[in-house]
Amino acid sequence: MAALDKFEARGSTVGGEGIRVACKLTAAVAGTAQLLRRNPYIEDFDFDRAIDIANDAKGKDEFGYRAEFVQLLRLAKVADKQKPLDQTGAK
């Protein structure tokens, strides 16, 4: 058995397809964090790509958290195109 065929965390074992799904979701979350930070080194990654990866990584979504993450990505994509608020006179 290859090293990444099975992964155990907190007493539950994830194997095969579960690892692929978990890694993809992790990549979508990490990439989104970099987009939100406006990391200048992110070149070929955008909200559309994060949405595609997250959709592909939904897997078993017992509580709907992954679907909700995709919805948040869609909202972030729209918000990212908006003009920032002018806070020069804010107290």
Protein backbone atom coordinates (compact mmCIF):
# COMPACT_ATOMS: atom_id res chain seq x y z
CA MET A 1 0.00 0.00 0.00
CA ALA A 2 1.39 3.39 -1.00
CA ALA A 3 1.96 6.00 1.69
CA LEU A 4 -0.93 8.19 0.50
CA ASP A 5 -3.45 5.38 -0.01
CA LYS A 6 -4.67 5.77 3.56
CA PHE A 7 -4.66 8.59 6.11
CA GLU A 8 -5.75 8.41 9.73
CA ALA A 9 -6.72 11.42 11.83
CA ARG A 10 -8.55 11.53 15.15
CA GLY A 11 -9.48 7.89 14.98
CA SER A 12 -11.11 8.00 11.53
CA THR A 13 -9.45 6.67 8.42
CA VAL A 14 -9.68 8.31 5.01
CA GLY A 15 -8.43 6.42 2.00
CA GLY A 16 -8.22 6.59 -1.78
CA GLU A 17 -10.83 8.98 -3.16
CA GLY A 18 -11.29 10.68 0.23
CA ILE A 19 -7.67 11.82 0.21
CA ARG A 20 -7.99 13.25 -3.30
CA VAL A 21 -11.13 15.16 -2.32
CA ALA A 22 -9.59 16.44 0.93
CA CYS A 23 -6.43 17.62 -0.83
CA LYS A 24 -8.41 19.44 -3.52
CA LEU A 25 -10.59 21.17 -0.95
CA THR A 26 -7.50 22.16 1.01
CA ALA A 27 -5.96 23.64 -2.15
CA ALA A 28 -9.14 25.63 -2.83
CA VAL A 29 -9.21 26.99 0.74
CA ALA A 30 -5.50 27.88 0.75
CA GLY A 31 -5.70 29.50 -2.68
CA THR A 32 -8.73 31.52 -1.61
CA ALA A 33 -6.83 32.78 1.43
CA GLN A 34 -4.09 34.05 -0.86
CA LEU A 35 -6.65 35.75 -3.11
CA LEU A 36 -8.25 37.47 -0.14
CA ARG A 37 -4.83 38.68 1.02
CA ARG A 38 -4.23 39.92 -2.54
CA ASN A 39 -0.97 37.99 -2.67
CA PRO A 40 1.05 39.42 -5.58
CA TYR A 41 2.59 36.01 -6.34
CA ILE A 42 -0.74 34.41 -7.27
CA GLU A 43 -0.83 34.53 -11.07
CA ASP A 44 -2.85 31.64 -12.49
CA PHE A 45 -5.37 31.35 -9.67
CA ASP A 46 -8.62 33.27 -9.38
CA PHE A 47 -12.03 32.86 -7.79
CA ASP A 48 -13.35 30.92 -10.80
CA ARG A 49 -10.56 28.38 -10.43
CA ALA A 50 -11.17 28.12 -6.67
CA ILE A 51 -14.88 27.53 -7.34
CA ASP A 52 -14.09 24.80 -9.89
CA ILE A 53 -11.69 23.04 -7.53
CA ALA A 54 -14.08 23.30 -4.57
CA ASN A 55 -16.99 21.98 -6.66
CA ASP A 56 -14.86 19.04 -7.74
CA ALA A 57 -13.96 18.41 -4.10
CA LYS A 58 -17.45 18.36 -2.60
CA GLY A 59 -17.38 14.61 -2.01
CA LYS A 60 -19.48 13.52 0.96
CA ASP A 61 -20.84 16.76 2.38
CA GLU A 62 -22.92 15.54 5.30
CA PHE A 63 -23.46 18.96 6.88
CA GLY A 64 -23.30 21.13 3.74
CA TYR A 65 -20.09 22.95 4.72
CA ARG A 66 -18.42 22.36 1.36
CA ALA A 67 -21.44 23.61 -0.57
CA GLU A 68 -21.54 26.66 1.70
CA PHE A 69 -17.85 27.29 1.00
CA VAL A 70 -18.61 27.32 -2.74
CA GLN A 71 -21.40 29.86 -2.11
CA LEU A 72 -18.98 32.03 -0.12
CA LEU A 73 -16.51 31.84 -3.00
CA ARG A 74 -19.17 33.07 -5.40
CA LEU A 75 -19.97 35.98 -3.09
CA ALA A 76 -16.27 36.80 -2.67
CA LYS A 77 -15.88 36.82 -6.46
CA VAL A 78 -18.65 39.43 -6.78
CA ALA A 79 -17.38 41.47 -3.83
CA ASP A 80 -13.84 41.43 -5.21
CA LYS A 81 -15.03 43.38 -8.27
CA GLN A 82 -16.63 46.12 -6.15
CA LYS A 83 -15.00 49.46 -5.50
CA PRO A 84 -13.57 49.69 -1.95
CA LEU A 85 -15.33 51.98 0.50
CA ASP A 86 -13.80 55.40 1.02
CA GLN A 87 -12.87 55.49 4.70
CA THR A 88 -10.79 58.66 4.70
CA GLY A 89 -13.32 60.58 6.83
CA ALA A 90 -14.30 57.66 9.07
CA LYS A 91 -13.88 58.04 12.82
